Amino acid sequence: MLKPEVPAAVAERLIEVVAGVDEAAAREPSMLPGWSRAHVMAHLVGFSDAMTRQVTEANARRLVEFYDGGMPARVAAIESRSTEPVDVLKREIARATAALVSAWGQVEDWSRPVTHRNGTLADTVYTGWRELTIHTADLGLSHATTDDWPEDFCLHLLDFLRPRVPAGTQLVLQAPNHRWTEGESDQVVVEGNLTDLTAWLAGRRPQRELTGDLPELLPWP
């Protein structure tokens, strides 16, 4: 399984990236429609807190809902927290991600179930890797983009996002030194850099143009 040290390093990178965000920059749009950078930061706090609880409770052989009150409560919490001063958001990101890393360090059995995606404690490490890595780029800062995504992360994310390929399509993503295929029937070939192809499949804007007829993708799995 993925070592917890990997998302821990990603959390450290996130803290470095947001260090230079001032109050004005926090209120500017992020790469996610309808969300400011403060919204993304607020979500990262809420996600980390929720995942910490999943890990802690599962480690004690208890199952709990990921977000108290479900998605409506999640949305309300993001809206409320996003209005906090940016320095508070920075401190909260540091606190929440440190707590999550610490919780992973206390795991006794990685096969224990969690309610999040009906997975296991091992799955939570991959989820943390995805969430922290992707949303760091979603902040829309020039010094932290999808170009920073390492090869192993891109390959993991491509595999995770296979369900986005529509039925009746064989999608081929062709990058230098990599060829990724999913689906059957009508073949569609899209070419570009590995990070750009991965960003596109993840619903993010590639840093460079891709070549090929891009199909309409299904929702995130």
N, C-alpha and C. Protein backbone atom coordinates (compact mmCIF):
# COMPACT_ATOMS: atom_id res chain seq x y z
N MET A 1 0.83 -1.19 0.00
CA MET A 1 0.00 0.00 0.00
C MET A 1 0.87 1.25 0.00
N LEU A 2 0.24 2.36 -0.30
CA LEU A 2 0.95 3.63 -0.27
C LEU A 2 1.37 3.98 1.15
N LYS A 3 2.60 4.39 1.34
CA LYS A 3 3.07 4.75 2.66
C LYS A 3 2.49 6.10 3.08
N PRO A 4 2.05 6.24 4.33
CA PRO A 4 1.51 7.52 4.79
C PRO A 4 2.49 8.68 4.64
N GLU A 5 3.78 8.38 4.53
CA GLU A 5 4.76 9.44 4.36
C GLU A 5 4.56 10.22 3.05
N VAL A 6 3.91 9.58 2.07
CA VAL A 6 3.70 10.26 0.79
C VAL A 6 2.71 11.40 0.93
N PRO A 7 1.47 11.15 1.41
CA PRO A 7 0.57 12.30 1.61
C PRO A 7 1.07 13.25 2.68
N ALA A 8 1.87 12.78 3.62
CA ALA A 8 2.46 13.68 4.61
C ALA A 8 3.35 14.71 3.93
N ALA A 9 4.14 14.26 2.95
CA ALA A 9 5.00 15.18 2.19
C ALA A 9 4.15 16.14 1.37
N VAL A 10 3.03 15.65 0.85
CA VAL A 10 2.13 16.51 0.09
C VAL A 10 1.52 17.58 0.99
N ALA A 11 1.19 17.21 2.23
CA ALA A 11 0.66 18.17 3.20
C ALA A 11 1.69 19.26 3.49
N GLU A 12 2.94 18.87 3.63
CA GLU A 12 4.00 19.85 3.86
C GLU A 12 4.12 20.81 2.67
N ARG A 13 3.98 20.26 1.47
CA ARG A 13 4.02 21.10 0.27
C ARG A 13 2.84 22.07 0.26
N LEU A 14 1.67 21.59 0.63
CA LEU A 14 0.49 22.46 0.69
C LEU A 14 0.72 23.63 1.63
N ILE A 15 1.27 23.36 2.81
CA ILE A 15 1.53 24.42 3.78
C ILE A 15 2.52 25.43 3.21
N GLU A 16 3.53 24.96 2.49
CA GLU A 16 4.48 25.86 1.85
C GLU A 16 3.80 26.73 0.80
N VAL A 17 2.90 26.12 0.03
CA VAL A 17 2.23 26.84 -1.06
C VAL A 17 1.33 27.94 -0.52
N VAL A 18 0.56 27.66 0.53
CA VAL A 18 -0.38 28.66 1.03
C VAL A 18 0.30 29.72 1.89
N ALA A 19 1.56 29.50 2.26
CA ALA A 19 2.25 30.46 3.13
C ALA A 19 2.27 31.85 2.54
N GLY A 20 2.38 31.95 1.23
CA GLY A 20 2.46 33.26 0.59
C GLY A 20 1.13 33.86 0.18
N VAL A 21 0.03 33.21 0.49
CA VAL A 21 -1.29 33.71 0.11
C VAL A 21 -1.72 34.78 1.11
N ASP A 22 -1.93 36.00 0.63
CA ASP A 22 -2.40 37.05 1.53
C ASP A 22 -3.92 37.16 1.46
N GLU A 23 -4.47 38.11 2.19
CA GLU A 23 -5.93 38.23 2.28
C GLU A 23 -6.56 38.50 0.91
N ALA A 24 -5.95 39.36 0.12
CA ALA A 24 -6.51 39.67 -1.20
C ALA A 24 -6.49 38.45 -2.10
N ALA A 25 -5.36 37.73 -2.10
CA ALA A 25 -5.25 36.54 -2.96
C ALA A 25 -6.23 35.46 -2.54
N ALA A 26 -6.51 35.36 -1.24
CA ALA A 26 -7.42 34.33 -0.75
C ALA A 26 -8.84 34.53 -1.27
N ARG A 27 -9.19 35.78 -1.58
CA ARG A 27 -10.56 36.07 -2.04
C ARG A 27 -10.68 35.99 -3.56
N GLU A 28 -9.57 35.78 -4.23
CA GLU A 28 -9.60 35.66 -5.69
C GLU A 28 -10.08 34.27 -6.10
N PRO A 29 -10.57 34.14 -7.34
CA PRO A 29 -11.08 32.83 -7.79
C PRO A 29 -9.99 31.77 -7.82
N SER A 30 -10.36 30.57 -7.44
CA SER A 30 -9.49 29.42 -7.60
C SER A 30 -9.73 28.81 -8.98
N MET A 31 -9.17 27.64 -9.22
CA MET A 31 -9.39 26.95 -10.48
C MET A 31 -10.73 26.21 -10.50
N LEU A 32 -11.43 26.19 -9.37
CA LEU A 32 -12.72 25.51 -9.29
C LEU A 32 -13.85 26.52 -9.43
N PRO A 33 -14.75 26.32 -10.37
CA PRO A 33 -15.84 27.29 -10.61
C PRO A 33 -16.64 27.57 -9.34
N GLY A 34 -16.81 28.84 -9.04
CA GLY A 34 -17.61 29.25 -7.89
C GLY A 34 -16.88 29.26 -6.57
N TRP A 35 -15.64 28.82 -6.56
CA TRP A 35 -14.86 28.77 -5.31
C TRP A 35 -13.69 29.74 -5.38
N SER A 36 -13.52 30.51 -4.31
CA SER A 36 -12.32 31.31 -4.14
C SER A 36 -11.20 30.42 -3.60
N ARG A 37 -10.01 30.97 -3.51
CA ARG A 37 -8.92 30.21 -2.88
C ARG A 37 -9.27 29.91 -1.43
N ALA A 38 -9.95 30.82 -0.77
CA ALA A 38 -10.36 30.59 0.61
C ALA A 38 -11.31 29.40 0.71
N HIS A 39 -12.19 29.23 -0.29
CA HIS A 39 -13.07 28.06 -0.30
C HIS A 39 -12.26 26.76 -0.38
N VAL A 40 -11.25 26.75 -1.25
CA VAL A 40 -10.42 25.55 -1.37
C VAL A 40 -9.70 25.28 -0.06
N MET A 41 -9.17 26.31 0.55
CA MET A 41 -8.48 26.14 1.82
C MET A 41 -9.44 25.64 2.90
N ALA A 42 -10.65 26.18 2.92
CA ALA A 42 -11.65 25.74 3.88
C ALA A 42 -12.01 24.28 3.67
N HIS A 43 -12.13 23.87 2.41
CA HIS A 43 -12.43 22.47 2.12
C HIS A 43 -11.31 21.56 2.60
N LEU A 44 -10.06 21.97 2.41
CA LEU A 44 -8.94 21.15 2.83
C LEU A 44 -8.93 20.95 4.35
N VAL A 45 -9.32 21.98 5.08
CA VAL A 45 -9.44 21.84 6.54
C VAL A 45 -10.54 20.85 6.88
N GLY A 46 -11.72 21.03 6.28
CA GLY A 46 -12.84 20.16 6.58
C GLY A 46 -12.59 18.72 6.18
N PHE A 47 -11.99 18.53 5.01
CA PHE A 47 -11.66 17.17 4.57
C PHE A 47 -10.69 16.51 5.55
N SER A 48 -9.63 17.22 5.92
CA SER A 48 -8.62 16.63 6.80
C SER A 48 -9.21 16.27 8.15
N ASP A 49 -10.05 17.14 8.69
CA ASP A 49 -10.70 16.84 9.98
C ASP A 49 -11.60 15.62 9.86
N ALA A 50 -12.38 15.55 8.76
CA ALA A 50 -13.30 14.43 8.57
C ALA A 50 -12.54 13.12 8.39
N MET A 51 -11.45 13.16 7.64
CA MET A 51 -10.68 11.94 7.43
C MET A 51 -9.96 11.51 8.69
N THR A 52 -9.50 12.48 9.48
CA THR A 52 -8.87 12.13 10.76
C THR A 52 -9.85 11.36 11.63
N ARG A 53 -11.10 11.82 11.66
CA ARG A 53 -12.11 11.13 12.46
C ARG A 53 -12.37 9.73 11.92
N GLN A 54 -12.43 9.59 10.59
CA GLN A 54 -12.61 8.27 10.00
C GLN A 54 -11.51 7.31 10.46
N VAL A 55 -10.27 7.78 10.39
CA VAL A 55 -9.12 6.94 10.73
C VAL A 55 -9.13 6.61 12.22
N THR A 56 -9.34 7.62 13.05
CA THR A 56 -9.32 7.41 14.50
C THR A 56 -10.41 6.45 14.94
N GLU A 57 -11.62 6.65 14.43
CA GLU A 57 -12.74 5.80 14.82
C GLU A 57 -12.57 4.38 14.28
N ALA A 58 -12.13 4.25 13.04
CA ALA A 58 -11.93 2.91 12.48
C ALA A 58 -10.84 2.16 13.22
N ASN A 59 -9.81 2.89 13.65
CA ASN A 59 -8.74 2.26 14.40
C ASN A 59 -9.24 1.71 15.74
N ALA A 60 -10.35 2.33 16.23
CA ALA A 60 -10.98 1.87 17.47
C ALA A 60 -12.14 0.93 17.17
N ARG A 61 -12.22 0.45 15.93
CA ARG A 61 -13.26 -0.48 15.49
C ARG A 61 -14.66 0.13 15.54
N ARG A 62 -14.74 1.43 15.21
CA ARG A 62 -16.03 2.10 15.13
C ARG A 62 -16.18 2.73 13.75
N LEU A 63 -17.41 2.74 13.25
CA LEU A 63 -17.70 3.34 11.95
C LEU A 63 -18.54 4.60 12.16
N VAL A 64 -18.15 5.68 11.51
CA VAL A 64 -18.87 6.94 11.62
C VAL A 64 -19.06 7.54 10.23
N GLU A 65 -20.04 8.41 10.11
CA GLU A 65 -20.28 9.12 8.86
C GLU A 65 -19.08 10.02 8.56
N PHE A 66 -18.77 10.20 7.28
CA PHE A 66 -17.61 11.00 6.93
C PHE A 66 -17.80 12.45 7.37
N TYR A 67 -18.89 13.07 6.94
CA TYR A 67 -19.24 14.42 7.38
C TYR A 67 -20.49 14.35 8.23
N ASP A 68 -20.45 14.87 9.45
CA ASP A 68 -21.65 14.96 10.26
C ASP A 68 -22.69 15.79 9.51
N GLY A 69 -23.85 15.19 9.27
CA GLY A 69 -24.88 15.91 8.52
C GLY A 69 -24.77 15.75 7.03
N GLY A 70 -23.81 14.94 6.56
CA GLY A 70 -23.70 14.66 5.13
C GLY A 70 -23.24 15.84 4.30
N MET A 71 -23.54 15.79 3.00
CA MET A 71 -23.06 16.81 2.07
C MET A 71 -23.61 18.21 2.36
N PRO A 72 -24.89 18.35 2.77
CA PRO A 72 -25.36 19.71 3.09
C PRO A 72 -24.53 20.37 4.18
N ALA A 73 -24.17 19.59 5.20
CA ALA A 73 -23.35 20.14 6.28
C ALA A 73 -21.95 20.47 5.77
N ARG A 74 -21.43 19.65 4.87
CA ARG A 74 -20.10 19.91 4.28
C ARG A 74 -20.10 21.24 3.55
N VAL A 75 -21.11 21.45 2.71
CA VAL A 75 -21.19 22.69 1.93
C VAL A 75 -21.32 23.90 2.84
N ALA A 76 -22.16 23.78 3.86
CA ALA A 76 -22.36 24.90 4.79
C ALA A 76 -21.08 25.21 5.54
N ALA A 77 -20.34 24.18 5.93
CA ALA A 77 -19.10 24.39 6.67
C ALA A 77 -18.06 25.09 5.81
N ILE A 78 -17.98 24.71 4.54
CA ILE A 78 -17.02 25.35 3.63
C ILE A 78 -17.36 26.83 3.47
N GLU A 79 -18.63 27.13 3.25
CA GLU A 79 -19.05 28.52 3.07
C GLU A 79 -18.74 29.34 4.31
N SER A 80 -19.01 28.77 5.48
CA SER A 80 -18.77 29.50 6.72
C SER A 80 -17.28 29.69 6.97
N ARG A 81 -16.50 28.63 6.83
CA ARG A 81 -15.07 28.70 7.13
C ARG A 81 -14.33 29.58 6.12
N SER A 82 -14.82 29.65 4.90
CA SER A 82 -14.12 30.42 3.86
C SER A 82 -14.11 31.92 4.16
N THR A 83 -14.95 32.38 5.07
CA THR A 83 -14.98 33.80 5.42
C THR A 83 -13.96 34.15 6.49
N GLU A 84 -13.30 33.16 7.05
CA GLU A 84 -12.31 33.42 8.10
C GLU A 84 -11.08 34.12 7.52
N PRO A 85 -10.35 34.88 8.31
CA PRO A 85 -9.11 35.51 7.83
C PRO A 85 -8.14 34.46 7.30
N VAL A 86 -7.38 34.84 6.31
CA VAL A 86 -6.51 33.87 5.65
C VAL A 86 -5.47 33.29 6.62
N ASP A 87 -5.00 34.08 7.58
CA ASP A 87 -4.02 33.55 8.53
C ASP A 87 -4.63 32.46 9.40
N VAL A 88 -5.91 32.58 9.70
CA VAL A 88 -6.61 31.53 10.44
C VAL A 88 -6.71 30.28 9.59
N LEU A 89 -7.04 30.44 8.32
CA LEU A 89 -7.14 29.29 7.42
C LEU A 89 -5.79 28.58 7.29
N LYS A 90 -4.72 29.33 7.22
CA LYS A 90 -3.39 28.72 7.13
C LYS A 90 -3.10 27.89 8.37
N ARG A 91 -3.39 28.45 9.54
CA ARG A 91 -3.13 27.71 10.78
C ARG A 91 -4.00 26.47 10.86
N GLU A 92 -5.23 26.59 10.41
CA GLU A 92 -6.14 25.45 10.45
C GLU A 92 -5.70 24.34 9.49
N ILE A 93 -5.19 24.71 8.33
CA ILE A 93 -4.66 23.70 7.40
C ILE A 93 -3.49 22.97 8.04
N ALA A 94 -2.58 23.71 8.66
CA ALA A 94 -1.43 23.08 9.31
C ALA A 94 -1.88 22.16 10.43
N ARG A 95 -2.83 22.61 11.24
CA ARG A 95 -3.33 21.79 12.35
C ARG A 95 -4.03 20.53 11.85
N ALA A 96 -4.94 20.71 10.89
CA ALA A 96 -5.77 19.59 10.43
C ALA A 96 -4.96 18.53 9.70
N THR A 97 -4.03 18.96 8.85
CA THR A 97 -3.23 17.98 8.11
C THR A 97 -2.26 17.26 9.05
N ALA A 98 -1.73 17.98 10.05
CA ALA A 98 -0.84 17.33 11.02
C ALA A 98 -1.61 16.28 11.82
N ALA A 99 -2.85 16.59 12.18
CA ALA A 99 -3.67 15.62 12.92
C ALA A 99 -3.94 14.38 12.09
N LEU A 100 -4.18 14.57 10.79
CA LEU A 100 -4.43 13.43 9.91
C LEU A 100 -3.19 12.54 9.80
N VAL A 101 -2.06 13.14 9.58
CA VAL A 101 -0.81 12.37 9.49
C VAL A 101 -0.57 11.62 10.80
N SER A 102 -0.82 12.27 11.93
CA SER A 102 -0.66 11.62 13.22
C SER A 102 -1.61 10.44 13.38
N ALA A 103 -2.85 10.60 12.92
CA ALA A 103 -3.84 9.52 13.01
C ALA A 103 -3.40 8.31 12.20
N TRP A 104 -2.87 8.52 11.01
CA TRP A 104 -2.34 7.41 10.22
C TRP A 104 -1.21 6.70 10.96
N GLY A 105 -0.43 7.46 11.70
CA GLY A 105 0.66 6.88 12.44
C GLY A 105 0.22 5.97 13.58
N GLN A 106 -1.05 6.06 13.97
CA GLN A 106 -1.58 5.23 15.05
C GLN A 106 -2.32 4.00 14.56
N VAL A 107 -2.40 3.81 13.25
CA VAL A 107 -3.18 2.68 12.71
C VAL A 107 -2.55 1.35 13.10
N GLU A 108 -3.41 0.45 13.55
CA GLU A 108 -2.96 -0.88 13.95
C GLU A 108 -3.21 -1.93 12.87
N ASP A 109 -4.27 -1.74 12.09
CA ASP A 109 -4.65 -2.72 11.07
C ASP A 109 -5.22 -1.97 9.88
N TRP A 110 -4.46 -1.93 8.79
CA TRP A 110 -4.86 -1.15 7.62
C TRP A 110 -6.05 -1.75 6.88
N SER A 111 -6.42 -2.97 7.22
CA SER A 111 -7.55 -3.61 6.53
C SER A 111 -8.90 -3.29 7.18
N ARG A 112 -8.89 -2.59 8.29
CA ARG A 112 -10.16 -2.28 8.96
C ARG A 112 -11.02 -1.37 8.07
N PRO A 113 -12.35 -1.58 8.09
CA PRO A 113 -13.24 -0.82 7.20
C PRO A 113 -13.48 0.61 7.67
N VAL A 114 -13.77 1.47 6.71
CA VAL A 114 -14.23 2.84 6.97
C VAL A 114 -15.49 3.07 6.14
N THR A 115 -16.28 4.05 6.53
CA THR A 115 -17.50 4.33 5.77
C THR A 115 -17.21 5.10 4.49
N HIS A 116 -16.11 5.84 4.46
CA HIS A 116 -15.79 6.63 3.27
C HIS A 116 -15.54 5.71 2.08
N ARG A 117 -16.40 5.79 1.08
CA ARG A 117 -16.32 4.97 -0.12
C ARG A 117 -16.38 3.47 0.19
N ASN A 118 -16.88 3.13 1.38
CA ASN A 118 -16.95 1.72 1.79
C ASN A 118 -15.59 1.04 1.64
N GLY A 119 -14.56 1.77 2.04
CA GLY A 119 -13.20 1.26 1.86
C GLY A 119 -12.57 0.78 3.15
N THR A 120 -11.25 0.82 3.16
CA THR A 120 -10.46 0.40 4.31
C THR A 120 -9.55 1.55 4.74
N LEU A 121 -8.90 1.36 5.88
CA LEU A 121 -7.96 2.38 6.32
C LEU A 121 -6.84 2.60 5.30
N ALA A 122 -6.44 1.55 4.62
CA ALA A 122 -5.43 1.71 3.56
C ALA A 122 -5.92 2.65 2.47
N ASP A 123 -7.21 2.55 2.14
CA ASP A 123 -7.78 3.41 1.09
C ASP A 123 -7.74 4.88 1.49
N THR A 124 -7.83 5.17 2.80
CA THR A 124 -7.84 6.57 3.21
C THR A 124 -6.53 7.28 2.88
N VAL A 125 -5.44 6.53 2.85
CA VAL A 125 -4.15 7.14 2.51
C VAL A 125 -4.15 7.58 1.05
N TYR A 126 -4.70 6.73 0.17
CA TYR A 126 -4.80 7.11 -1.24
C TYR A 126 -5.74 8.30 -1.43
N THR A 127 -6.84 8.30 -0.68
CA THR A 127 -7.76 9.43 -0.77
C THR A 127 -7.08 10.72 -0.35
N GLY A 128 -6.33 10.66 0.75
CA GLY A 128 -5.61 11.84 1.20
C GLY A 128 -4.59 12.31 0.18
N TRP A 129 -3.91 11.38 -0.44
CA TRP A 129 -2.94 11.71 -1.49
C TRP A 129 -3.62 12.47 -2.63
N ARG A 130 -4.77 11.95 -3.05
CA ARG A 130 -5.49 12.60 -4.16
C ARG A 130 -5.99 13.99 -3.76
N GLU A 131 -6.67 14.06 -2.63
CA GLU A 131 -7.30 15.32 -2.23
C GLU A 131 -6.27 16.43 -2.02
N LEU A 132 -5.22 16.16 -1.29
CA LEU A 132 -4.23 17.19 -0.99
C LEU A 132 -3.46 17.60 -2.24
N THR A 133 -3.11 16.63 -3.08
CA THR A 133 -2.36 16.94 -4.29
C THR A 133 -3.19 17.75 -5.28
N ILE A 134 -4.39 17.29 -5.54
CA ILE A 134 -5.22 17.96 -6.54
C ILE A 134 -5.61 19.36 -6.09
N HIS A 135 -6.02 19.49 -4.83
CA HIS A 135 -6.50 20.80 -4.38
C HIS A 135 -5.37 21.81 -4.18
N THR A 136 -4.15 21.34 -4.01
CA THR A 136 -3.04 22.28 -4.01
C THR A 136 -2.95 22.97 -5.37
N ALA A 137 -3.11 22.21 -6.43
CA ALA A 137 -3.12 22.81 -7.77
C ALA A 137 -4.37 23.64 -8.00
N ASP A 138 -5.49 23.24 -7.39
CA ASP A 138 -6.74 23.98 -7.56
C ASP A 138 -6.68 25.40 -6.99
N LEU A 139 -5.71 25.67 -6.14
CA LEU A 139 -5.58 27.02 -5.60
C LEU A 139 -5.28 28.03 -6.70
N GLY A 140 -4.76 27.55 -7.82
CA GLY A 140 -4.54 28.43 -8.96
C GLY A 140 -3.38 29.39 -8.78
N LEU A 141 -2.33 28.93 -8.14
CA LEU A 141 -1.15 29.76 -7.93
C LEU A 141 -0.06 29.37 -8.92
N SER A 142 0.71 30.35 -9.36
CA SER A 142 1.68 30.10 -10.43
C SER A 142 2.78 29.14 -10.01
N HIS A 143 3.05 29.03 -8.71
CA HIS A 143 4.13 28.16 -8.25
C HIS A 143 3.64 26.79 -7.80
N ALA A 144 2.38 26.48 -8.10
CA ALA A 144 1.85 25.15 -7.74
C ALA A 144 0.77 24.78 -8.76
N THR A 145 1.14 23.99 -9.75
CA THR A 145 0.23 23.64 -10.83
C THR A 145 0.21 22.12 -11.00
N THR A 146 -0.62 21.67 -11.94
CA THR A 146 -0.67 20.23 -12.24
C THR A 146 0.65 19.73 -12.82
N ASP A 147 1.50 20.61 -13.29
CA ASP A 147 2.83 20.18 -13.76
C ASP A 147 3.67 19.61 -12.62
N ASP A 148 3.29 19.91 -11.38
CA ASP A 148 4.02 19.39 -10.23
C ASP A 148 3.66 17.94 -9.91
N TRP A 149 2.59 17.43 -10.52
CA TRP A 149 2.16 16.07 -10.19
C TRP A 149 3.20 15.06 -10.64
N PRO A 150 3.73 14.25 -9.72
CA PRO A 150 4.75 13.26 -10.11
C PRO A 150 4.14 12.11 -10.91
N GLU A 151 5.01 11.39 -11.57
CA GLU A 151 4.56 10.30 -12.45
C GLU A 151 3.74 9.26 -11.70
N ASP A 152 4.19 8.86 -10.51
CA ASP A 152 3.45 7.82 -9.79
C ASP A 152 2.05 8.30 -9.40
N PHE A 153 1.92 9.59 -9.09
CA PHE A 153 0.60 10.11 -8.77
C PHE A 153 -0.28 10.13 -10.01
N CYS A 154 0.25 10.57 -11.14
CA CYS A 154 -0.52 10.59 -12.38
C CYS A 154 -1.03 9.19 -12.73
N LEU A 155 -0.17 8.21 -12.63
CA LEU A 155 -0.58 6.85 -12.98
C LEU A 155 -1.64 6.33 -12.02
N HIS A 156 -1.51 6.66 -10.74
CA HIS A 156 -2.54 6.27 -9.77
C HIS A 156 -3.87 6.95 -10.10
N LEU A 157 -3.82 8.25 -10.37
CA LEU A 157 -5.05 8.99 -10.61
C LEU A 157 -5.73 8.53 -11.90
N LEU A 158 -4.95 8.25 -12.94
CA LEU A 158 -5.53 7.72 -14.18
C LEU A 158 -6.28 6.41 -13.90
N ASP A 159 -5.67 5.55 -13.11
CA ASP A 159 -6.32 4.28 -12.79
C ASP A 159 -7.60 4.51 -11.99
N PHE A 160 -7.56 5.43 -11.02
CA PHE A 160 -8.73 5.73 -10.21
C PHE A 160 -9.87 6.30 -11.05
N LEU A 161 -9.54 7.04 -12.09
CA LEU A 161 -10.54 7.74 -12.89
C LEU A 161 -11.03 6.95 -14.10
N ARG A 162 -10.69 5.69 -14.19
CA ARG A 162 -11.17 4.87 -15.32
C ARG A 162 -12.69 4.91 -15.49
N PRO A 163 -13.47 4.95 -14.40
CA PRO A 163 -14.93 5.00 -14.58
C PRO A 163 -15.45 6.26 -15.28
N ARG A 164 -14.61 7.24 -15.51
CA ARG A 164 -15.05 8.45 -16.21
C ARG A 164 -15.18 8.24 -17.73
N VAL A 165 -14.57 7.18 -18.23
CA VAL A 165 -14.61 6.93 -19.67
C VAL A 165 -16.01 6.45 -20.05
N PRO A 166 -16.68 7.13 -20.99
CA PRO A 166 -18.05 6.75 -21.33
C PRO A 166 -18.14 5.39 -22.01
N ALA A 167 -19.27 4.73 -21.82
CA ALA A 167 -19.49 3.43 -22.45
C ALA A 167 -19.44 3.57 -23.96
N GLY A 168 -18.93 2.55 -24.62
CA GLY A 168 -18.85 2.58 -26.08
C GLY A 168 -17.65 3.32 -26.62
N THR A 169 -16.75 3.74 -25.73
CA THR A 169 -15.55 4.46 -26.15
C THR A 169 -14.31 3.75 -25.62
N GLN A 170 -13.34 3.56 -26.49
CA GLN A 170 -12.02 3.11 -26.04
C GLN A 170 -11.13 4.35 -26.05
N LEU A 171 -10.86 4.86 -24.87
CA LEU A 171 -10.04 6.07 -24.74
C LEU A 171 -8.58 5.67 -24.61
N VAL A 172 -7.76 6.23 -25.47
CA VAL A 172 -6.32 6.01 -25.43
C VAL A 172 -5.65 7.34 -25.13
N LEU A 173 -4.93 7.40 -24.02
CA LEU A 173 -4.16 8.58 -23.67
C LEU A 173 -2.70 8.30 -23.96
N GLN A 174 -2.15 9.05 -24.90
CA GLN A 174 -0.79 8.80 -25.36
C GLN A 174 0.12 9.93 -24.90
N ALA A 175 1.08 9.59 -24.05
CA ALA A 175 2.09 10.54 -23.59
C ALA A 175 3.46 9.97 -23.88
N PRO A 176 4.49 10.79 -23.90
CA PRO A 176 5.83 10.25 -24.06
C PRO A 176 6.11 9.19 -22.99
N ASN A 177 6.44 8.01 -23.43
CA ASN A 177 6.79 6.88 -22.55
C ASN A 177 5.61 6.27 -21.82
N HIS A 178 4.39 6.71 -22.14
CA HIS A 178 3.22 6.14 -21.48
C HIS A 178 2.06 6.04 -22.48
N ARG A 179 1.35 4.92 -22.40
CA ARG A 179 0.13 4.74 -23.19
C ARG A 179 -0.91 4.11 -22.28
N TRP A 180 -2.02 4.78 -22.10
CA TRP A 180 -3.08 4.37 -21.17
C TRP A 180 -4.35 4.12 -21.97
N THR A 181 -5.00 2.98 -21.73
CA THR A 181 -6.19 2.61 -22.48
C THR A 181 -7.29 2.16 -21.54
N GLU A 182 -8.52 2.59 -21.84
CA GLU A 182 -9.68 2.16 -21.07
C GLU A 182 -10.90 2.11 -21.99
N GLY A 183 -11.70 1.06 -21.85
CA GLY A 183 -12.94 0.96 -22.60
C GLY A 183 -12.80 0.14 -23.86
N GLU A 184 -13.92 0.02 -24.54
CA GLU A 184 -13.99 -0.78 -25.76
C GLU A 184 -14.74 -0.03 -26.85
N SER A 185 -14.75 -0.61 -28.04
CA SER A 185 -15.49 -0.09 -29.19
C SER A 185 -14.76 1.07 -29.84
N ASP A 186 -15.41 2.22 -30.02
CA ASP A 186 -14.87 3.32 -30.82
C ASP A 186 -13.63 3.92 -30.15
N GLN A 187 -12.50 3.82 -30.84
CA GLN A 187 -11.25 4.30 -30.25
C GLN A 187 -11.09 5.80 -30.44
N VAL A 188 -10.73 6.48 -29.36
CA VAL A 188 -10.43 7.91 -29.37
C VAL A 188 -9.04 8.07 -28.77
N VAL A 189 -8.13 8.69 -29.53
CA VAL A 189 -6.76 8.88 -29.07
C VAL A 189 -6.55 10.35 -28.73
N VAL A 190 -6.06 10.60 -27.52
CA VAL A 190 -5.73 11.95 -27.08
C VAL A 190 -4.26 11.96 -26.69
N GLU A 191 -3.53 12.91 -27.22
CA GLU A 191 -2.09 12.97 -26.99
C GLU A 191 -1.69 14.23 -26.23
N GLY A 192 -0.65 14.10 -25.41
CA GLY A 192 -0.13 15.24 -24.66
C GLY A 192 0.83 14.78 -23.60
N ASN A 193 1.27 15.70 -22.76
CA ASN A 193 2.12 15.35 -21.63
C ASN A 193 1.32 14.56 -20.61
N LEU A 194 1.99 13.72 -19.83
CA LEU A 194 1.30 12.89 -18.85
C LEU A 194 0.53 13.75 -17.84
N THR A 195 1.13 14.82 -17.35
CA THR A 195 0.44 15.67 -16.38
C THR A 195 -0.78 16.33 -16.99
N ASP A 196 -0.69 16.73 -18.24
CA ASP A 196 -1.83 17.39 -18.90
C ASP A 196 -2.96 16.41 -19.16
N LEU A 197 -2.62 15.20 -19.59
CA LEU A 197 -3.65 14.18 -19.82
C LEU A 197 -4.35 13.83 -18.51
N THR A 198 -3.56 13.72 -17.44
CA THR A 198 -4.14 13.39 -16.14
C THR A 198 -5.02 14.53 -15.64
N ALA A 199 -4.56 15.75 -15.81
CA ALA A 199 -5.36 16.90 -15.39
C ALA A 199 -6.69 16.93 -16.11
N TRP A 200 -6.66 16.69 -17.41
CA TRP A 200 -7.91 16.69 -18.19
C TRP A 200 -8.86 15.60 -17.71
N LEU A 201 -8.37 14.38 -17.49
CA LEU A 201 -9.24 13.30 -17.04
C LEU A 201 -9.80 13.62 -15.65
N ALA A 202 -9.06 14.41 -14.88
CA ALA A 202 -9.51 14.79 -13.54
C ALA A 202 -10.42 16.02 -13.56
N GLY A 203 -10.72 16.51 -14.75
CA GLY A 203 -11.60 17.67 -14.85
C GLY A 203 -10.91 18.99 -14.60
N ARG A 204 -9.59 19.00 -14.73
CA ARG A 204 -8.81 20.21 -14.53
C ARG A 204 -8.26 20.71 -15.86
N ARG A 205 -7.88 21.97 -15.90
CA ARG A 205 -7.38 22.58 -17.13
C ARG A 205 -5.92 22.18 -17.35
N PRO A 206 -5.61 21.54 -18.47
CA PRO A 206 -4.21 21.21 -18.76
C PRO A 206 -3.37 22.47 -18.95
N GLN A 207 -2.09 22.37 -18.67
CA GLN A 207 -1.20 23.51 -18.86
C GLN A 207 -0.89 23.75 -20.34
N ARG A 208 -1.02 22.71 -21.16
CA ARG A 208 -0.79 22.82 -22.60
C ARG A 208 -1.95 22.15 -23.34
N GLU A 209 -2.08 22.47 -24.59
CA GLU A 209 -3.17 21.89 -25.39
C GLU A 209 -2.94 20.40 -25.62
N LEU A 210 -4.05 19.68 -25.64
CA LEU A 210 -4.03 18.27 -26.00
C LEU A 210 -4.46 18.13 -27.45
N THR A 211 -4.03 17.07 -28.10
CA THR A 211 -4.45 16.82 -29.48
C THR A 211 -5.37 15.61 -29.51
N GLY A 212 -6.43 15.73 -30.31
CA GLY A 212 -7.40 14.66 -30.42
C GLY A 212 -8.80 15.17 -30.08
N ASP A 213 -9.80 14.38 -30.39
CA ASP A 213 -11.18 14.73 -30.09
C ASP A 213 -11.51 14.29 -28.66
N LEU A 214 -11.64 15.26 -27.79
CA LEU A 214 -11.86 14.96 -26.38
C LEU A 214 -13.32 14.55 -26.15
N PRO A 215 -13.55 13.33 -25.64
CA PRO A 215 -14.92 12.91 -25.39
C PRO A 215 -15.49 13.56 -24.12
N GLU A 216 -16.80 13.56 -24.01
CA GLU A 216 -17.47 14.04 -22.80
C GLU A 216 -17.29 12.98 -21.72
N LEU A 217 -16.72 13.36 -20.62
CA LEU A 217 -16.43 12.40 -19.56
C LEU A 217 -17.59 12.25 -18.59
N LEU A 218 -17.65 11.09 -17.97
CA LEU A 218 -18.67 10.83 -16.95
C LEU A 218 -18.22 11.47 -15.63
N PRO A 219 -19.12 11.54 -14.64
CA PRO A 219 -18.75 12.16 -13.35
C PRO A 219 -17.63 11.41 -12.66
N TRP A 220 -17.05 12.08 -11.67
CA TRP A 220 -16.02 11.42 -10.84
C TRP A 220 -16.59 10.17 -10.19
N PRO A 221 -15.78 9.13 -10.05
CA PRO A 221 -16.27 7.91 -9.37
C PRO A 221 -16.44 8.13 -7.88
